[in-house]
Amino acid sequence: MEALSIRAKTKNFINKIIRFINNFKRPSRQANSKLLHQRGDTMNSFIIREAIIEDLPALADLHVKTWNETYPNFRRPPTYEIREQQWREQFSIQDGNWFCFIIENSKKELIGFAKGKRNTDNTGIVDKIYLLRQYQRLGLGRKLMGQVAHQFVNMGVKNISLFGIPQNPSCYFHEAIGGERLYAPNGEFHGGYIWRDLQKLISLCSIE
């Protein structure tokens, strides 16, 4: 058990360093704010709404782009055709236990999305949340997560979880909005988070 603990601490430390380095590869808030103004946009230019079947082609395309930005080292990333099929299958499920919110800019282009699902025990999982890099660090991810939290509360969900990878700098974002790390039995952190108080999450993620 001691050996596992030492191994976990070592892996956690290595992932912490990688996460720190990856964070510097992302555009800064200042750079993205400058791009925002160059496009003639303001924070009021964006709309967060629930996705509909007509969004499917644009949503599948956005899923490909954001996934590739998040995981650039995959040799064979999922194609548009794969994502389109996955979303078409998802939209065919109309049991009221899942939802997807999208962020739309002033040109009606999709720039971010989040998908959530209610489990049978009334817990929830955010199994997808992505934002194009040029729109990150502007507060849009926080607004999107706030909308997700509101929706889960309306569905009677008591807590929500999210699973990523520990090298992803998005871990900083999850922790900034109150995410509690989930650890394996040996103490290793694999990138999972839980929010046990959704009202607190809502207070940290204003949708105004």
C-alpha atoms as a PDB file:
ATOM      1  CA  MET A   1       0.000   0.000   0.000  1.00  0.00           C
ATOM      2  CA  GLU A   2       2.917   2.298   0.816  1.00  0.00           C
ATOM      3  CA  ALA A   3       4.399   1.645  -2.634  1.00  0.00           C
ATOM      4  CA  LEU A   4       1.073   2.532  -4.247  1.00  0.00           C
ATOM      5  CA  SER A   5       0.922   5.745  -2.225  1.00  0.00           C
ATOM      6  CA  ILE A   6       4.406   6.790  -3.339  1.00  0.00           C
ATOM      7  CA  ARG A   7       3.547   5.948  -6.933  1.00  0.00           C
ATOM      8  CA  ALA A   8       0.355   7.982  -6.719  1.00  0.00           C
ATOM      9  CA  LYS A   9       2.200  10.981  -5.291  1.00  0.00           C
ATOM     10  CA  THR A  10       4.777  10.747  -8.067  1.00  0.00           C
ATOM     11  CA  LYS A  11       2.142  10.545 -10.820  1.00  0.00           C
ATOM     12  CA  ASN A  12       0.159  13.381  -9.278  1.00  0.00           C
ATOM     13  CA  PHE A  13       3.273  15.547  -9.194  1.00  0.00           C
ATOM     14  CA  ILE A  14       4.193  14.744 -12.801  1.00  0.00           C
ATOM     15  CA  ASN A  15       0.646  15.479 -13.968  1.00  0.00           C
ATOM     16  CA  LYS A  16       0.722  18.751 -12.028  1.00  0.00           C
ATOM     17  CA  ILE A  17       3.841  19.833 -13.932  1.00  0.00           C
ATOM     18  CA  ILE A  18       2.363  18.798 -17.286  1.00  0.00           C
ATOM     19  CA  ARG A  19      -0.876  20.624 -16.451  1.00  0.00           C
ATOM     20  CA  PHE A  20       1.096  23.755 -15.586  1.00  0.00           C
ATOM     21  CA  ILE A  21       3.044  23.606 -18.865  1.00  0.00           C
ATOM     22  CA  ASN A  22      -0.097  22.949 -20.928  1.00  0.00           C
ATOM     23  CA  ASN A  23      -1.736  25.968 -19.357  1.00  0.00           C
ATOM     24  CA  PHE A  24       0.908  28.226 -20.896  1.00  0.00           C
ATOM     25  CA  LYS A  25       0.117  26.841 -24.350  1.00  0.00           C
ATOM     26  CA  ARG A  26      -3.377  28.317 -24.171  1.00  0.00           C
ATOM     27  CA  PRO A  27      -4.129  31.894 -25.245  1.00  0.00           C
ATOM     28  CA  SER A  28      -4.161  34.375 -22.401  1.00  0.00           C
ATOM     29  CA  ARG A  29      -7.241  36.269 -21.273  1.00  0.00           C
ATOM     30  CA  GLN A  30      -5.689  39.439 -22.666  1.00  0.00           C
ATOM     31  CA  ALA A  31      -5.072  37.856 -26.086  1.00  0.00           C
ATOM     32  CA  ASN A  32      -8.603  36.463 -26.315  1.00  0.00           C
ATOM     33  CA  SER A  33     -10.108  39.759 -25.137  1.00  0.00           C
ATOM     34  CA  LYS A  34      -8.210  41.517 -27.913  1.00  0.00           C
ATOM     35  CA  LEU A  35      -9.531  39.025 -30.476  1.00  0.00           C
ATOM     36  CA  LEU A  36     -13.030  39.546 -29.117  1.00  0.00           C
ATOM     37  CA  HIS A  37     -12.848  43.290 -29.702  1.00  0.00           C
ATOM     38  CA  GLN A  38     -11.239  42.837 -33.132  1.00  0.00           C
ATOM     39  CA  ARG A  39     -14.262  40.783 -34.163  1.00  0.00           C
ATOM     40  CA  GLY A  40     -16.521  43.568 -32.942  1.00  0.00           C
ATOM     41  CA  ASP A  41     -18.028  41.384 -30.224  1.00  0.00           C
ATOM     42  CA  THR A  42     -18.767  41.993 -26.562  1.00  0.00           C
ATOM     43  CA  MET A  43     -19.784  39.559 -23.844  1.00  0.00           C
ATOM     44  CA  ASN A  44     -23.374  40.503 -24.618  1.00  0.00           C
ATOM     45  CA  SER A  45     -22.930  39.167 -28.153  1.00  0.00           C
ATOM     46  CA  PHE A  46     -23.227  35.563 -27.007  1.00  0.00           C
ATOM     47  CA  ILE A  47     -26.341  33.514 -26.431  1.00  0.00           C
ATOM     48  CA  ILE A  48     -26.530  30.322 -24.398  1.00  0.00           C
ATOM     49  CA  ARG A  49     -29.465  28.139 -25.397  1.00  0.00           C
ATOM     50  CA  GLU A  50     -30.525  24.529 -25.488  1.00  0.00           C
ATOM     51  CA  ALA A  51     -29.406  22.625 -28.566  1.00  0.00           C
ATOM     52  CA  ILE A  52     -31.995  21.395 -31.056  1.00  0.00           C
ATOM     53  CA  ILE A  53     -31.808  18.790 -33.809  1.00  0.00           C
ATOM     54  CA  GLU A  54     -31.216  21.506 -36.417  1.00  0.00           C
ATOM     55  CA  ASP A  55     -27.923  22.326 -34.655  1.00  0.00           C
ATOM     56  CA  LEU A  56     -26.611  18.822 -35.236  1.00  0.00           C
ATOM     57  CA  PRO A  57     -24.230  19.509 -38.183  1.00  0.00           C
ATOM     58  CA  ALA A  58     -22.692  22.573 -36.535  1.00  0.00           C
ATOM     59  CA  LEU A  59     -22.543  20.808 -33.165  1.00  0.00           C
ATOM     60  CA  ALA A  60     -20.741  17.791 -34.620  1.00  0.00           C
ATOM     61  CA  ASP A  61     -18.281  20.106 -36.373  1.00  0.00           C
ATOM     62  CA  LEU A  62     -17.662  22.061 -33.162  1.00  0.00           C
ATOM     63  CA  HIS A  63     -17.181  18.817 -31.238  1.00  0.00           C
ATOM     64  CA  VAL A  64     -14.432  17.788 -33.674  1.00  0.00           C
ATOM     65  CA  LYS A  65     -12.674  21.166 -33.490  1.00  0.00           C
ATOM     66  CA  THR A  66     -12.783  21.535 -29.706  1.00  0.00           C
ATOM     67  CA  TRP A  67     -11.782  17.915 -29.074  1.00  0.00           C
ATOM     68  CA  ASN A  68      -8.792  18.295 -31.407  1.00  0.00           C
ATOM     69  CA  GLU A  69      -7.750  21.488 -29.623  1.00  0.00           C
ATOM     70  CA  THR A  70      -8.012  19.762 -26.246  1.00  0.00           C
ATOM     71  CA  TYR A  71      -6.224  16.546 -27.256  1.00  0.00           C
ATOM     72  CA  PRO A  72      -3.796  17.588 -30.036  1.00  0.00           C
ATOM     73  CA  ASN A  73      -1.517  14.564 -29.718  1.00  0.00           C
ATOM     74  CA  PHE A  74      -4.026  11.899 -30.766  1.00  0.00           C
ATOM     75  CA  ARG A  75      -2.941  10.351 -34.051  1.00  0.00           C
ATOM     76  CA  ARG A  76      -6.439   9.342 -35.129  1.00  0.00           C
ATOM     77  CA  PRO A  77      -8.969  11.720 -33.567  1.00  0.00           C
ATOM     78  CA  PRO A  78     -12.719  11.154 -34.075  1.00  0.00           C
ATOM     79  CA  THR A  79     -13.938  12.377 -37.457  1.00  0.00           C
ATOM     80  CA  TYR A  80     -16.912  14.562 -38.285  1.00  0.00           C
ATOM     81  CA  GLU A  81     -18.801  11.481 -39.484  1.00  0.00           C
ATOM     82  CA  ILE A  82     -18.310   9.772 -36.129  1.00  0.00           C
ATOM     83  CA  ARG A  83     -19.421  12.821 -34.154  1.00  0.00           C
ATOM     84  CA  GLU A  84     -22.408  13.365 -36.422  1.00  0.00           C
ATOM     85  CA  GLN A  85     -23.564   9.798 -35.865  1.00  0.00           C
ATOM     86  CA  GLN A  86     -23.038  10.061 -32.094  1.00  0.00           C
ATOM     87  CA  TRP A  87     -25.088  13.245 -31.852  1.00  0.00           C
ATOM     88  CA  ARG A  88     -27.818  11.899 -34.121  1.00  0.00           C
ATOM     89  CA  GLU A  89     -28.142   8.872 -31.835  1.00  0.00           C
ATOM     90  CA  GLN A  90     -28.190  11.155 -28.790  1.00  0.00           C
ATOM     91  CA  PHE A  91     -30.938  13.372 -30.179  1.00  0.00           C
ATOM     92  CA  SER A  92     -33.033  10.271 -30.875  1.00  0.00           C
ATOM     93  CA  ILE A  93     -33.186   9.665 -27.101  1.00  0.00           C
ATOM     94  CA  GLN A  94     -36.064  11.705 -25.713  1.00  0.00           C
ATOM     95  CA  ASP A  95     -36.377  10.420 -22.153  1.00  0.00           C
ATOM     96  CA  GLY A  96     -35.870  13.789 -20.465  1.00  0.00           C
ATOM     97  CA  ASN A  97     -32.661  12.648 -18.755  1.00  0.00           C
ATOM     98  CA  TRP A  98     -30.139  14.523 -20.861  1.00  0.00           C
ATOM     99  CA  PHE A  99     -29.608  18.015 -22.236  1.00  0.00           C
ATOM    100  CA  CYS A 100     -27.106  20.025 -24.219  1.00  0.00           C
ATOM    101  CA  PHE A 101     -26.493  23.765 -24.054  1.00  0.00           C
ATOM    102  CA  ILE A 102     -24.640  25.616 -26.788  1.00  0.00           C
ATOM    103  CA  ILE A 103     -23.011  29.047 -26.953  1.00  0.00           C
ATOM    104  CA  GLU A 104     -23.720  31.011 -30.106  1.00  0.00           C
ATOM    105  CA  ASN A 105     -21.893  34.174 -31.206  1.00  0.00           C
ATOM    106  CA  SER A 106     -23.318  37.184 -33.035  1.00  0.00           C
ATOM    107  CA  LYS A 107     -22.845  35.438 -36.380  1.00  0.00           C
ATOM    108  CA  LYS A 108     -24.922  32.470 -35.202  1.00  0.00           C
ATOM    109  CA  GLU A 109     -21.790  30.320 -35.057  1.00  0.00           C
ATOM    110  CA  LEU A 110     -21.439  27.723 -32.304  1.00  0.00           C
ATOM    111  CA  ILE A 111     -18.353  28.308 -30.171  1.00  0.00           C
ATOM    112  CA  GLY A 112     -18.960  26.099 -27.129  1.00  0.00           C
ATOM    113  CA  PHE A 113     -21.243  23.434 -25.670  1.00  0.00           C
ATOM    114  CA  ALA A 114     -21.931  21.335 -22.600  1.00  0.00           C
ATOM    115  CA  LYS A 115     -23.868  18.094 -22.290  1.00  0.00           C
ATOM    116  CA  GLY A 116     -25.306  16.701 -19.080  1.00  0.00           C
ATOM    117  CA  LYS A 117     -27.122  13.545 -18.056  1.00  0.00           C
ATOM    118  CA  ARG A 118     -29.197  12.567 -15.025  1.00  0.00           C
ATOM    119  CA  ASN A 119     -28.422   9.164 -13.565  1.00  0.00           C
ATOM    120  CA  THR A 120     -31.008   6.790 -12.080  1.00  0.00           C
ATOM    121  CA  ASP A 121     -29.937   7.767  -8.531  1.00  0.00           C
ATOM    122  CA  ASN A 122     -30.648  11.456  -9.234  1.00  0.00           C
ATOM    123  CA  THR A 123     -26.995  12.367  -9.500  1.00  0.00           C
ATOM    124  CA  GLY A 124     -25.764  14.066 -12.635  1.00  0.00           C
ATOM    125  CA  ILE A 125     -22.741  13.940 -14.874  1.00  0.00           C
ATOM    126  CA  VAL A 126     -21.334  16.602 -17.164  1.00  0.00           C
ATOM    127  CA  ASP A 127     -19.900  14.302 -19.771  1.00  0.00           C
ATOM    128  CA  LYS A 128     -18.931  17.020 -22.244  1.00  0.00           C
ATOM    129  CA  ILE A 129     -17.974  20.674 -21.880  1.00  0.00           C
ATOM    130  CA  TYR A 130     -15.901  22.347 -24.568  1.00  0.00           C
ATOM    131  CA  LEU A 131     -15.131  25.882 -25.681  1.00  0.00           C
ATOM    132  CA  LEU A 132     -13.036  26.960 -28.656  1.00  0.00           C
ATOM    133  CA  ARG A 133      -9.656  28.188 -27.424  1.00  0.00           C
ATOM    134  CA  GLN A 134     -10.087  31.699 -28.789  1.00  0.00           C
ATOM    135  CA  TYR A 135     -13.159  32.111 -26.557  1.00  0.00           C
ATOM    136  CA  GLN A 136     -11.666  30.714 -23.364  1.00  0.00           C
ATOM    137  CA  ARG A 137     -10.759  32.761 -20.270  1.00  0.00           C
ATOM    138  CA  LEU A 138     -13.501  35.306 -20.997  1.00  0.00           C
ATOM    139  CA  GLY A 139     -16.073  34.013 -18.506  1.00  0.00           C
ATOM    140  CA  LEU A 140     -18.127  32.083 -21.057  1.00  0.00           C
ATOM    141  CA  GLY A 141     -17.236  28.696 -19.585  1.00  0.00           C
ATOM    142  CA  ARG A 142     -18.410  29.878 -16.181  1.00  0.00           C
ATOM    143  CA  LYS A 143     -21.720  31.091 -17.627  1.00  0.00           C
ATOM    144  CA  LEU A 144     -22.137  27.786 -19.458  1.00  0.00           C
ATOM    145  CA  MET A 145     -21.505  25.796 -16.290  1.00  0.00           C
ATOM    146  CA  GLY A 146     -24.010  28.000 -14.466  1.00  0.00           C
ATOM    147  CA  GLN A 147     -26.658  27.137 -17.019  1.00  0.00           C
ATOM    148  CA  VAL A 148     -25.815  23.467 -16.629  1.00  0.00           C
ATOM    149  CA  ALA A 149     -26.144  23.688 -12.844  1.00  0.00           C
ATOM    150  CA  HIS A 150     -29.534  25.430 -13.116  1.00  0.00           C
ATOM    151  CA  GLN A 151     -30.778  22.704 -15.442  1.00  0.00           C
ATOM    152  CA  PHE A 152     -29.659  19.930 -13.121  1.00  0.00           C
ATOM    153  CA  VAL A 153     -31.400  21.603 -10.168  1.00  0.00           C
ATOM    154  CA  ASN A 154     -34.605  21.825 -12.223  1.00  0.00           C
ATOM    155  CA  MET A 155     -34.260  18.084 -12.908  1.00  0.00           C
ATOM    156  CA  GLY A 156     -34.030  17.290  -9.201  1.00  0.00           C
ATOM    157  CA  VAL A 157     -30.351  16.345  -9.302  1.00  0.00           C
ATOM    158  CA  LYS A 158     -28.514  16.561  -5.972  1.00  0.00           C
ATOM    159  CA  ASN A 159     -24.869  16.564  -7.075  1.00  0.00           C
ATOM    160  CA  ILE A 160     -22.896  16.401 -10.308  1.00  0.00           C
ATOM    161  CA  SER A 161     -19.565  15.006 -11.393  1.00  0.00           C
ATOM    162  CA  LEU A 162     -17.232  15.488 -14.330  1.00  0.00           C
ATOM    163  CA  PHE A 163     -14.346  13.352 -15.558  1.00  0.00           C
ATOM    164  CA  GLY A 164     -11.446  14.643 -17.611  1.00  0.00           C
ATOM    165  CA  ILE A 165      -7.714  13.990 -17.631  1.00  0.00           C
ATOM    166  CA  PRO A 166      -5.312  15.268 -14.946  1.00  0.00           C
ATOM    167  CA  GLN A 167      -2.962  16.890 -17.480  1.00  0.00           C
ATOM    168  CA  ASN A 168      -5.708  19.183 -18.786  1.00  0.00           C
ATOM    169  CA  PRO A 169      -5.381  22.813 -17.618  1.00  0.00           C
ATOM    170  CA  SER A 170      -9.184  22.920 -17.448  1.00  0.00           C
ATOM    171  CA  CYS A 171      -8.636  21.427 -13.980  1.00  0.00           C
ATOM    172  CA  TYR A 172      -7.858  24.984 -12.841  1.00  0.00           C
ATOM    173  CA  PHE A 173     -11.270  26.097 -14.079  1.00  0.00           C
ATOM    174  CA  HIS A 174     -13.090  23.233 -12.364  1.00  0.00           C
ATOM    175  CA  GLU A 175     -11.403  24.042  -9.072  1.00  0.00           C
ATOM    176  CA  ALA A 176     -12.067  27.777  -9.424  1.00  0.00           C
ATOM    177  CA  ILE A 177     -15.803  27.036  -9.496  1.00  0.00           C
ATOM    178  CA  GLY A 178     -15.706  24.773  -6.461  1.00  0.00           C
ATOM    179  CA  GLY A 179     -15.032  21.347  -7.953  1.00  0.00           C
ATOM    180  CA  GLU A 180     -13.841  18.799  -5.385  1.00  0.00           C
ATOM    181  CA  ARG A 181     -11.204  16.394  -6.644  1.00  0.00           C
ATOM    182  CA  LEU A 182     -12.017  12.701  -6.797  1.00  0.00           C
ATOM    183  CA  TYR A 183      -9.153  10.369  -5.924  1.00  0.00           C
ATOM    184  CA  ALA A 184      -8.586   6.688  -6.633  1.00  0.00           C
ATOM    185  CA  PRO A 185      -8.174   4.368  -3.600  1.00  0.00           C
ATOM    186  CA  ASN A 186      -4.382   4.701  -3.887  1.00  0.00           C
ATOM    187  CA  GLY A 187      -4.598   8.501  -3.825  1.00  0.00           C
ATOM    188  CA  GLU A 188      -4.076   9.079  -7.531  1.00  0.00           C
ATOM    189  CA  PHE A 189      -5.950  11.936  -9.201  1.00  0.00           C
ATOM    190  CA  HIS A 190      -7.357  11.026 -12.622  1.00  0.00           C
ATOM    191  CA  GLY A 191      -9.071  14.310 -13.486  1.00  0.00           C
ATOM    192  CA  GLY A 192     -12.476  13.714 -11.891  1.00  0.00           C
ATOM    193  CA  TYR A 193     -14.478  16.287  -9.916  1.00  0.00           C
ATOM    194  CA  ILE A 194     -17.695  16.423  -7.942  1.00  0.00           C
ATOM    195  CA  TRP A 195     -19.937  19.331  -6.946  1.00  0.00           C
ATOM    196  CA  ARG A 196     -22.014  18.403  -3.897  1.00  0.00           C
ATOM    197  CA  ASP A 197     -23.743  21.779  -3.476  1.00  0.00           C
ATOM    198  CA  LEU A 198     -25.349  22.934  -6.720  1.00  0.00           C
ATOM    199  CA  GLN A 199     -26.650  26.161  -5.223  1.00  0.00           C
ATOM    200  CA  LYS A 200     -23.091  27.115  -4.344  1.00  0.00           C
ATOM    201  CA  LEU A 201     -22.013  26.257  -7.895  1.00  0.00           C
ATOM    202  CA  ILE A 202     -24.794  28.467  -9.267  1.00  0.00           C
ATOM    203  CA  SER A 203     -23.635  31.344  -7.045  1.00  0.00           C
ATOM    204  CA  LEU A 204     -20.108  30.987  -8.463  1.00  0.00           C
ATOM    205  CA  CYS A 205     -21.310  30.816 -12.078  1.00  0.00           C
ATOM    206  CA  SER A 206     -23.639  33.726 -12.703  1.00  0.00           C
ATOM    207  CA  ILE A 207     -25.635  33.408 -15.923  1.00  0.00           C
ATOM    208  CA  GLU A 208     -26.588  37.086 -15.946  1.00  0.00           C
END
